[in-house]
C-alpha atoms as a PDB file:
ATOM      1  CA  MET A   1      -6.272 -27.089  -7.698  1.00  0.00           C
ATOM      2  CA  THR A   2      -4.007 -30.112  -7.079  1.00  0.00           C
ATOM      3  CA  SER A   3      -5.767 -33.468  -6.687  1.00  0.00           C
ATOM      4  CA  PRO A   4      -5.497 -35.292  -2.986  1.00  0.00           C
ATOM      5  CA  ARG A   5      -2.433 -37.476  -2.369  1.00  0.00           C
ATOM      6  CA  PRO A   6      -3.210 -40.634  -1.980  1.00  0.00           C
ATOM      7  CA  ILE A   7      -0.767 -42.896   0.659  1.00  0.00           C
ATOM      8  CA  SER A   8      -0.581 -46.555   0.465  1.00  0.00           C
ATOM      9  CA  ILE A   9      -0.103 -47.958   3.994  1.00  0.00           C
ATOM     10  CA  ALA A  10       0.699 -52.294   4.701  1.00  0.00           C
ATOM     11  CA  PRO A  11       1.086 -52.826   8.079  1.00  0.00           C
ATOM     12  CA  ALA A  12       3.211 -55.729   8.539  1.00  0.00           C
ATOM     13  CA  ALA A  13       0.424 -57.489  10.819  1.00  0.00           C
ATOM     14  CA  ASN A  14      -2.318 -57.139   7.839  1.00  0.00           C
ATOM     15  CA  PRO A  15      -0.853 -57.694   4.195  1.00  0.00           C
ATOM     16  CA  THR A  16      -3.716 -56.186   2.328  1.00  0.00           C
ATOM     17  CA  PRO A  17      -2.627 -52.628   1.794  1.00  0.00           C
ATOM     18  CA  PHE A  18      -5.791 -49.794   2.640  1.00  0.00           C
ATOM     19  CA  ARG A  19      -5.621 -46.203   1.305  1.00  0.00           C
ATOM     20  CA  ILE A  20      -6.011 -42.689   3.024  1.00  0.00           C
ATOM     21  CA  THR A  21      -6.689 -39.548   0.844  1.00  0.00           C
ATOM     22  CA  LEU A  22      -5.128 -36.700   2.496  1.00  0.00           C
ATOM     23  CA  PRO A  23      -6.493 -33.477   1.279  1.00  0.00           C
ATOM     24  CA  PRO A  24      -3.952 -31.164  -0.211  1.00  0.00           C
ATOM     25  CA  PRO A  25      -1.625 -28.729   0.985  1.00  0.00           C
ATOM     26  CA  PRO A  26      -3.166 -25.223   1.458  1.00  0.00           C
ATOM     27  CA  PRO A  27      -2.057 -22.693  -1.268  1.00  0.00           C
ATOM     28  CA  LYS A  28       0.572 -20.111  -0.667  1.00  0.00           C
ATOM     29  CA  PRO A  29      -0.076 -16.954   0.532  1.00  0.00           C
ATOM     30  CA  PRO A  30       0.684 -14.117  -1.903  1.00  0.00           C
ATOM     31  CA  GLU A  31       3.694 -12.102  -1.738  1.00  0.00           C
ATOM     32  CA  PRO A  32       2.944  -8.715  -0.447  1.00  0.00           C
ATOM     33  CA  PRO A  33       3.451  -5.781  -2.878  1.00  0.00           C
ATOM     34  CA  PRO A  34       7.376  -4.356  -2.374  1.00  0.00           C
ATOM     35  CA  ILE A  35       7.147  -0.957   0.024  1.00  0.00           C
ATOM     36  CA  ARG A  36       7.888   2.255  -1.776  1.00  0.00           C
ATOM     37  CA  LEU A  37       9.850   4.744  -0.382  1.00  0.00           C
ATOM     38  CA  VAL A  38      10.032   7.053  -2.920  1.00  0.00           C
ATOM     39  CA  LEU A  39       6.887   8.614  -5.359  1.00  0.00           C
ATOM     40  CA  SER A  40       7.134   9.687  -8.689  1.00  0.00           C
ATOM     41  CA  ARG A  41       5.662  13.469  -9.456  1.00  0.00           C
ATOM     42  CA  ALA A  42       2.300  11.681 -10.656  1.00  0.00           C
ATOM     43  CA  GLU A  43       2.166   9.291  -7.505  1.00  0.00           C
ATOM     44  CA  ALA A  44       2.670  12.251  -5.764  1.00  0.00           C
ATOM     45  CA  ALA A  45       0.208  14.535  -7.500  1.00  0.00           C
ATOM     46  CA  ALA A  46      -2.130  11.824  -6.894  1.00  0.00           C
ATOM     47  CA  ALA A  47      -1.625  11.152  -3.263  1.00  0.00           C
ATOM     48  CA  LEU A  48      -1.854  14.838  -2.427  1.00  0.00           C
ATOM     49  CA  GLY A  49      -4.911  15.353  -4.760  1.00  0.00           C
ATOM     50  CA  ILE A  50      -3.056  18.063  -6.845  1.00  0.00           C
ATOM     51  CA  SER A  51      -2.140  18.707 -10.121  1.00  0.00           C
ATOM     52  CA  ALA A  52       1.696  17.807 -11.351  1.00  0.00           C
ATOM     53  CA  ARG A  53       1.593  21.583 -12.784  1.00  0.00           C
ATOM     54  CA  THR A  54       0.910  22.032  -8.855  1.00  0.00           C
ATOM     55  CA  ILE A  55       3.744  19.554  -7.644  1.00  0.00           C
ATOM     56  CA  ASP A  56       6.541  21.408 -10.140  1.00  0.00           C
ATOM     57  CA  ALA A  57       5.896  24.948  -8.963  1.00  0.00           C
ATOM     58  CA  MET A  58       5.231  23.700  -5.135  1.00  0.00           C
ATOM     59  CA  VAL A  59       8.965  21.895  -6.137  1.00  0.00           C
ATOM     60  CA  LYS A  60      10.154  25.328  -7.785  1.00  0.00           C
ATOM     61  CA  ASN A  61       9.663  27.484  -5.124  1.00  0.00           C
ATOM     62  CA  GLY A  62      11.012  25.385  -2.208  1.00  0.00           C
ATOM     63  CA  GLU A  63       7.526  24.289  -0.890  1.00  0.00           C
ATOM     64  CA  LEU A  64       7.619  20.373  -1.161  1.00  0.00           C
ATOM     65  CA  PRO A  65       9.964  17.910  -0.140  1.00  0.00           C
ATOM     66  CA  PHE A  66      11.791  15.745  -2.693  1.00  0.00           C
ATOM     67  CA  ALA A  67      15.069  13.937  -3.122  1.00  0.00           C
ATOM     68  CA  ARG A  68      17.228  13.672  -6.555  1.00  0.00           C
ATOM     69  CA  ILE A  69      17.827   9.809  -7.251  1.00  0.00           C
ATOM     70  CA  GLY A  70      19.960  10.368  -9.940  1.00  0.00           C
ATOM     71  CA  SER A  71      18.937  12.747 -12.341  1.00  0.00           C
ATOM     72  CA  ARG A  72      15.150  11.868 -10.990  1.00  0.00           C
ATOM     73  CA  VAL A  73      13.106  14.202  -8.992  1.00  0.00           C
ATOM     74  CA  THR A  74      11.364  11.879  -6.267  1.00  0.00           C
ATOM     75  CA  PHE A  75       8.984  12.356  -3.700  1.00  0.00           C
ATOM     76  CA  PRO A  76      10.164  10.418  -0.283  1.00  0.00           C
ATOM     77  CA  VAL A  77       7.065   9.056   1.030  1.00  0.00           C
ATOM     78  CA  GLY A  78       7.741   9.411   4.937  1.00  0.00           C
ATOM     79  CA  ALA A  79       9.168  13.595   3.744  1.00  0.00           C
ATOM     80  CA  LEU A  80       5.489  13.827   2.217  1.00  0.00           C
ATOM     81  CA  LEU A  81       3.674  12.534   5.311  1.00  0.00           C
ATOM     82  CA  ALA A  82       5.801  14.476   7.209  1.00  0.00           C
ATOM     83  CA  TRP A  83       5.310  17.607   5.399  1.00  0.00           C
ATOM     84  CA  LEU A  84       1.466  16.965   5.638  1.00  0.00           C
ATOM     85  CA  ALA A  85       1.048  16.564   9.008  1.00  0.00           C
ATOM     86  CA  ASP A  86       2.979  19.817   9.546  1.00  0.00           C
ATOM     87  CA  ARG A  87       0.362  21.468   7.531  1.00  0.00           C
ATOM     88  CA  THR A  88      -2.930  20.009   9.015  1.00  0.00           C
ATOM     89  CA  ILE A  89      -4.747  22.341  11.188  1.00  0.00           C
ATOM     90  CA  PRO A  90      -7.337  20.776  14.285  1.00  0.00           C
ATOM     91  CA  ALA A  91     -11.022  21.015  13.274  1.00  0.00           C
ATOM     92  CA  ARG A  92     -12.954  23.429  15.851  1.00  0.00           C
ATOM     93  CA  PRO A  93     -16.604  23.544  16.204  1.00  0.00           C
ATOM     94  CA  GLY A  94     -17.749  25.076  13.451  1.00  0.00           C
ATOM     95  CA  ASP A  95     -15.547  25.042  10.929  1.00  0.00           C
ATOM     96  CA  LEU A  96     -18.318  23.416   8.938  1.00  0.00           C
ATOM     97  CA  ASP A  97     -21.946  23.677   8.065  1.00  0.00           C
ATOM     98  CA  SER A  98     -23.885  20.366   8.973  1.00  0.00           C
ATOM     99  CA  ASP A  99     -23.860  19.827   5.455  1.00  0.00           C
ATOM    100  CA  GLY A 100     -20.181  19.543   6.019  1.00  0.00           C
ATOM    101  CA  THR A 101     -19.304  22.459   3.475  1.00  0.00           C
ATOM    102  CA  ASP A 102     -17.251  25.114   4.571  1.00  0.00           C
ATOM    103  CA  ALA A 103     -18.672  27.243   7.067  1.00  0.00           C
ATOM    104  CA  ALA A 104     -16.655  30.148   6.148  1.00  0.00           C
ATOM    105  CA  GLY A 105     -16.846  30.224   2.584  1.00  0.00           C
END
C-alpha cells in the first residue's frame, strides 16, 4: 500500500504554505478470468461428474458433443449445457423419498 500523497498549497494572500494530505487512490480491481469457451476432456469429465473413460466412450458412440481444434478434442461449454438441458427430466412428486434418496431404488 502506498503512503498518502502530500500536496503543498501556497495561496498568494498567505505566503505560509500549509499541507493537505490526500488518501492514496483505491487499488484497481482484479482482472476477471478469461471466458473459457471449451473444456478439456478432464475438465468436461469433472464438470459432468463422470470419469474420463466415460467421456471417451460417449464421444466414440456419438453421444456427447465435441469439437476438434487441430488434433485436440475439446468440449464446447455451450454445447455441453444444451446437451445436458436436453437430457434433464423434470422432477415429479414422489421421485424422491423424504430423506432425498431415489424412491424407485
